[in-house]
Amino acid sequence: MSDKIRVIVSGAGGRMGKEVVKLVLQDDELELAAADRSAGDSDAGRMVGLEDSGVRVTSDLEAALAGAAADVLVDFTIPQSAYSNTALAIKYGVRPVIGTTGFTPEQIAELDKQCQDQEIGGLIAPNFSIGAILLMKFAAQAAKYFPHLEIIEYHGDQKLDAPSGTAIKTAEMISEARQELRQGHPGEEEIIEGSRGGYYNGFRIHSVRLPGVFAQEEVVFGGFGQSLKIRHDSYERAGYMPGVKMGIQKVMGYTGLIYGFEHFIE
């Protein structure tokens, strides 16, 4: 019997989805059970520039979940479909590993209950980059000593959500380590609406959207007579794949839904 983890990739035709398909097809510890995209009926290997894999791309995710005998669903789709895809995977006893952002706290709590009821593990990770997770951890630590800060995140102009899920997760982790502190001059006035960025727990988050930009984030801290900047730059989607593989492996060993890849980084 094979010990490989059988993986379904949802959103396989997208830029991140194609990287996940490549990862699974080229990794000796993983096996591609199915690949789902809106337009199916092609070979998954050929779709990503590899040799034929023998796995046809499907446009029917539920049929794949019902018939592929999969262990894990990896989802990089869009916020509008990610919740239903996750719930569907749990229904069929397939462990969700979700890189799509936009889940509400209520949705996360409900999906956790569904995982608990099915006695399977799951993961929602706004970012799978190990470097980005380290930035979050370092920023949370620094906020204990530099409570005045702002977050600036940069993505391409086609990104759908702002701020990014990574920036929101960074803000959440900082807020766990720092009491709310309303920064800036109390009489501050925005001459142009939104120029100070989004307000979160007393500090500001700025979202830059430009063509030619991939994914960067920096947290800028200010103190008396000094400043500190913590920055992470991603240059290509393949850099997320070691984290995706770790997530696939980790969900096989626990019950319940984990929110945040930082729980795997000591």
Protein backbone atom coordinates (compact mmCIF):
# COMPACT_ATOMS: atom_id res chain seq x y z
CA MET A 1 0.00 0.00 0.00
CA SER A 2 1.30 3.47 -0.91
CA ASP A 3 2.10 5.85 1.93
CA LYS A 4 1.76 8.85 -0.35
CA ILE A 5 -0.68 11.58 0.62
CA ARG A 6 -3.35 11.88 -2.07
CA VAL A 7 -4.07 15.51 -2.91
CA ILE A 8 -6.83 17.30 -4.81
CA VAL A 9 -5.89 20.77 -6.06
CA SER A 10 -8.78 23.23 -6.36
CA GLY A 11 -8.11 26.29 -8.47
CA ALA A 12 -5.57 24.24 -10.42
CA GLY A 13 -5.72 26.59 -13.41
CA GLY A 14 -4.66 29.63 -11.39
CA ARG A 15 -1.10 30.81 -10.91
CA MET A 16 -0.77 29.41 -7.39
CA GLY A 17 -2.81 26.33 -8.26
CA LYS A 18 -0.45 25.41 -11.08
CA GLU A 19 2.51 25.63 -8.70
CA VAL A 20 0.75 23.27 -6.31
CA VAL A 21 0.06 20.81 -9.15
CA LYS A 22 3.77 20.89 -10.04
CA LEU A 23 4.71 20.36 -6.40
CA VAL A 24 2.45 17.32 -6.02
CA LEU A 25 3.46 15.73 -9.32
CA GLN A 26 7.18 16.14 -8.63
CA ASP A 27 7.22 15.11 -4.95
CA ASP A 28 7.75 11.47 -4.07
CA GLU A 29 5.69 11.79 -0.87
CA LEU A 30 2.59 13.20 -2.58
CA GLU A 31 0.20 11.91 -5.23
CA LEU A 32 -2.21 13.94 -7.35
CA ALA A 33 -5.72 12.52 -6.88
CA ALA A 34 -7.53 15.20 -8.91
CA ALA A 35 -7.18 18.74 -10.20
CA ASP A 36 -10.16 21.08 -10.32
CA ARG A 37 -10.62 24.21 -12.41
CA SER A 38 -13.54 25.93 -14.10
CA ALA A 39 -12.61 24.55 -17.53
CA GLY A 40 -11.70 20.87 -17.25
CA ASP A 41 -10.85 18.03 -19.61
CA SER A 42 -7.08 18.33 -20.00
CA ASP A 43 -4.22 16.41 -18.47
CA ALA A 44 -2.97 18.00 -15.23
CA GLY A 45 0.67 17.40 -16.05
CA ARG A 46 0.45 18.85 -19.52
CA MET A 47 -1.45 21.87 -18.11
CA VAL A 48 1.63 22.84 -16.05
CA GLY A 49 4.22 22.02 -18.70
CA LEU A 50 5.15 18.54 -17.45
CA GLU A 51 4.66 15.09 -18.94
CA ASP A 52 1.19 13.55 -18.99
CA SER A 53 0.18 12.60 -15.46
CA GLY A 54 -2.82 10.43 -16.24
CA VAL A 55 -4.97 12.76 -14.11
CA ARG A 56 -7.65 14.63 -16.02
CA VAL A 57 -8.55 18.14 -14.95
CA THR A 58 -12.17 18.30 -13.80
CA SER A 59 -14.67 21.11 -13.41
CA ASP A 60 -16.73 19.17 -10.84
CA LEU A 61 -15.08 19.48 -7.44
CA GLU A 62 -17.76 17.53 -5.57
CA ALA A 63 -17.42 14.57 -7.93
CA ALA A 64 -13.65 14.63 -7.38
CA LEU A 65 -14.08 14.73 -3.60
CA ALA A 66 -16.61 11.91 -3.72
CA GLY A 67 -14.64 9.61 -6.00
CA ALA A 68 -10.92 10.35 -5.81
CA ALA A 69 -10.18 8.74 -2.41
CA ALA A 70 -8.18 11.84 -1.48
CA ASP A 71 -6.60 12.75 1.83
CA VAL A 72 -6.19 16.50 1.38
CA LEU A 73 -7.75 19.32 -0.63
CA VAL A 74 -5.46 22.28 -1.40
CA ASP A 75 -7.48 25.35 -2.36
CA PHE A 76 -6.14 28.49 -4.01
CA THR A 77 -9.31 29.91 -5.54
CA ILE A 78 -11.21 33.12 -4.70
CA PRO A 79 -12.92 34.25 -1.47
CA GLN A 80 -16.39 33.79 -2.98
CA SER A 81 -15.91 30.04 -3.45
CA ALA A 82 -13.31 29.08 -0.82
CA TYR A 83 -15.75 28.70 2.07
CA SER A 84 -18.10 26.36 0.18
CA ASN A 85 -15.11 24.39 -1.18
CA THR A 86 -13.75 23.96 2.33
CA ALA A 87 -17.09 22.86 3.77
CA LEU A 88 -17.54 20.42 0.87
CA ALA A 89 -14.13 18.86 1.48
CA ILE A 90 -14.87 18.40 5.17
CA LYS A 91 -18.21 16.82 4.31
CA TYR A 92 -16.36 14.09 2.38
CA GLY A 93 -13.72 13.63 5.07
CA VAL A 94 -10.99 15.33 3.02
CA ARG A 95 -8.65 17.58 5.00
CA PRO A 96 -8.67 21.19 3.73
CA VAL A 97 -5.44 23.16 3.29
CA ILE A 98 -6.59 26.62 2.25
CA GLY A 99 -4.44 29.42 0.89
CA THR A 100 -7.39 31.59 -0.12
CA THR A 101 -8.05 34.61 2.12
CA GLY A 102 -11.26 36.37 3.09
CA PHE A 103 -12.70 34.04 5.77
CA THR A 104 -14.57 35.71 8.63
CA PRO A 105 -13.95 34.65 12.25
CA GLU A 106 -17.45 33.14 12.28
CA GLN A 107 -16.73 31.05 9.19
CA ILE A 108 -13.45 29.83 10.67
CA ALA A 109 -15.21 28.82 13.89
CA GLU A 110 -17.91 26.94 11.94
CA LEU A 111 -15.36 25.12 9.78
CA ASP A 112 -13.40 24.18 12.89
CA LYS A 113 -16.54 22.62 14.36
CA GLN A 114 -17.12 20.68 11.14
CA CYS A 115 -13.54 19.37 11.23
CA GLN A 116 -13.95 18.39 14.87
CA ASP A 117 -17.17 16.55 14.06
CA GLN A 118 -15.45 14.66 11.23
CA GLU A 119 -12.33 14.11 13.36
CA ILE A 120 -10.01 15.49 10.68
CA GLY A 121 -7.47 18.30 10.56
CA GLY A 122 -7.59 21.43 8.45
CA LEU A 123 -5.58 24.58 7.84
CA ILE A 124 -6.37 28.09 6.66
CA ALA A 125 -3.14 30.00 6.03
CA PRO A 126 -3.13 33.59 4.73
CA ASN A 127 0.51 33.01 3.79
CA PHE A 128 2.53 29.83 3.30
CA SER A 129 5.89 31.59 3.03
CA ILE A 130 8.15 30.64 5.92
CA GLY A 131 9.89 34.02 5.61
CA ALA A 132 6.58 35.89 5.86
CA ILE A 133 5.63 33.91 8.96
CA LEU A 134 8.94 34.80 10.56
CA LEU A 135 8.24 38.46 9.79
CA MET A 136 4.94 38.18 11.64
CA LYS A 137 6.59 36.57 14.65
CA PHE A 138 9.44 39.11 14.72
CA ALA A 139 6.96 41.99 14.38
CA ALA A 140 4.83 40.73 17.26
CA GLN A 141 7.94 40.50 19.43
CA ALA A 142 9.14 43.97 18.43
CA ALA A 143 5.72 45.53 19.14
CA LYS A 144 6.23 44.84 22.84
CA TYR A 145 9.06 47.40 22.79
CA PHE A 146 8.04 49.58 19.83
CA PRO A 147 4.26 50.00 20.17
CA HIS A 148 4.10 52.73 17.49
CA LEU A 149 4.02 51.09 14.08
CA GLU A 150 2.49 50.94 10.62
CA ILE A 151 2.17 48.09 8.13
CA ILE A 152 2.77 48.57 4.41
CA GLU A 153 2.00 45.72 2.01
CA TYR A 154 2.65 45.63 -1.72
CA HIS A 155 0.95 43.44 -4.34
CA GLY A 156 0.14 43.45 -8.02
CA ASP A 157 -2.74 45.56 -9.28
CA GLN A 158 -4.93 42.51 -9.97
CA LYS A 159 -5.13 41.40 -6.34
CA LEU A 160 -8.78 41.34 -5.27
CA ASP A 161 -8.60 42.02 -1.53
CA ALA A 162 -7.09 44.88 0.47
CA PRO A 163 -5.46 44.72 2.86
CA SER A 164 -3.93 41.35 2.09
CA GLY A 165 -4.64 38.35 4.28
CA THR A 166 -0.98 38.40 5.26
CA ALA A 167 -1.22 41.99 6.48
CA ILE A 168 -4.37 41.21 8.46
CA LYS A 169 -2.72 38.18 10.06
CA THR A 170 0.35 40.29 10.89
CA ALA A 171 -1.90 42.91 12.50
CA GLU A 172 -3.71 40.25 14.52
CA MET A 173 -0.47 38.79 15.84
CA ILE A 174 0.87 42.25 16.73
CA SER A 175 -2.37 43.05 18.55
CA GLU A 176 -2.02 39.93 20.67
CA ALA A 177 1.34 41.22 21.93
CA ARG A 178 0.49 44.95 22.18
CA GLN A 179 -2.31 46.83 23.88
CA GLU A 180 -4.40 49.08 21.67
CA LEU A 181 -2.69 52.44 21.28
CA ARG A 182 -4.21 55.13 19.12
CA GLN A 183 -1.26 56.67 17.30
CA GLY A 184 -0.69 60.03 15.68
CA HIS A 185 -1.81 63.53 16.57
CA PRO A 186 -5.31 63.62 18.11
CA GLY A 187 -6.19 66.52 15.81
CA GLU A 188 -4.97 64.77 12.66
CA GLU A 189 -7.09 65.44 9.56
CA GLU A 190 -7.06 63.51 6.29
CA ILE A 191 -7.11 66.05 3.47
CA ILE A 192 -7.56 63.18 1.00
CA GLU A 193 -9.76 60.37 2.36
CA GLY A 194 -7.87 57.15 3.00
CA SER A 195 -4.42 58.70 2.83
CA ARG A 196 -3.61 57.48 6.34
CA GLY A 197 -4.53 53.90 5.49
CA GLY A 198 -6.87 51.49 7.22
CA TYR A 199 -7.25 51.68 11.00
CA TYR A 200 -6.58 48.55 13.06
CA ASN A 201 -6.10 48.43 16.84
CA GLY A 202 -4.64 51.94 16.89
CA PHE A 203 -2.22 51.61 13.99
CA ARG A 204 -2.51 51.87 10.21
CA ILE A 205 -2.29 49.40 7.33
CA HIS A 206 -1.42 50.65 3.84
CA SER A 207 -2.06 48.61 0.68
CA VAL A 208 -0.05 49.36 -2.45
CA ARG A 209 -1.36 47.88 -5.73
CA LEU A 210 0.87 48.27 -8.79
CA PRO A 211 1.68 46.30 -11.94
CA GLY A 212 5.06 44.60 -11.81
CA VAL A 213 4.89 44.07 -8.04
CA PHE A 214 4.71 40.54 -6.66
CA ALA A 215 4.36 40.40 -2.85
CA GLN A 216 6.16 42.37 -0.18
CA GLU A 217 5.35 43.48 3.33
CA GLU A 218 7.13 45.68 5.83
CA VAL A 219 6.35 46.72 9.36
CA VAL A 220 7.80 50.10 10.33
CA PHE A 221 8.31 50.84 14.04
CA GLY A 222 9.06 54.27 15.47
CA GLY A 223 10.53 55.10 18.86
CA PHE A 224 12.39 57.91 20.57
CA GLY A 225 15.40 58.70 18.42
CA GLN A 226 15.22 55.47 16.41
CA SER A 227 13.17 53.37 14.02
CA LEU A 228 13.03 49.71 13.09
CA LYS A 229 11.89 48.13 9.82
CA ILE A 230 11.12 44.43 9.31
CA ARG A 231 10.53 43.49 5.68
CA HIS A 232 9.89 40.36 3.65
CA ASP A 233 9.98 40.08 -0.14
CA SER A 234 8.57 37.23 -2.21
CA TYR A 235 9.84 36.96 -5.78
CA GLU A 236 8.01 33.92 -7.17
CA ARG A 237 5.18 31.56 -6.26
CA ALA A 238 7.48 28.55 -5.99
CA GLY A 239 8.74 30.06 -2.73
CA TYR A 240 5.44 29.19 -1.06
CA MET A 241 5.59 25.50 -1.94
CA PRO A 242 7.76 24.23 0.98
CA GLY A 243 5.12 25.68 3.29
CA VAL A 244 2.27 24.15 1.29
CA LYS A 245 3.90 20.73 1.55
CA MET A 246 4.40 21.17 5.31
CA GLY A 247 0.72 22.11 5.64
CA ILE A 248 -0.36 19.03 3.69
CA GLN A 249 1.70 16.81 5.95
CA LYS A 250 0.71 18.50 9.22
CA VAL A 251 -3.06 18.25 8.69
CA MET A 252 -2.74 14.47 8.53
CA GLY A 253 -1.80 14.37 12.21
CA TYR A 254 -4.33 16.44 14.12
CA THR A 255 -8.05 17.17 14.54
CA GLY A 256 -9.66 20.58 14.10
CA LEU A 257 -9.04 23.61 11.92
CA ILE A 258 -5.88 25.66 12.45
CA TYR A 259 -5.90 29.32 11.38
CA GLY A 260 -2.41 30.53 10.56
CA PHE A 261 0.73 28.78 9.37
CA GLU A 262 2.69 30.34 12.25
CA HIS A 263 1.47 27.52 14.51
CA PHE A 264 3.87 25.22 12.65
CA ILE A 265 6.91 27.50 13.10
CA GLU A 266 8.50 27.30 16.54
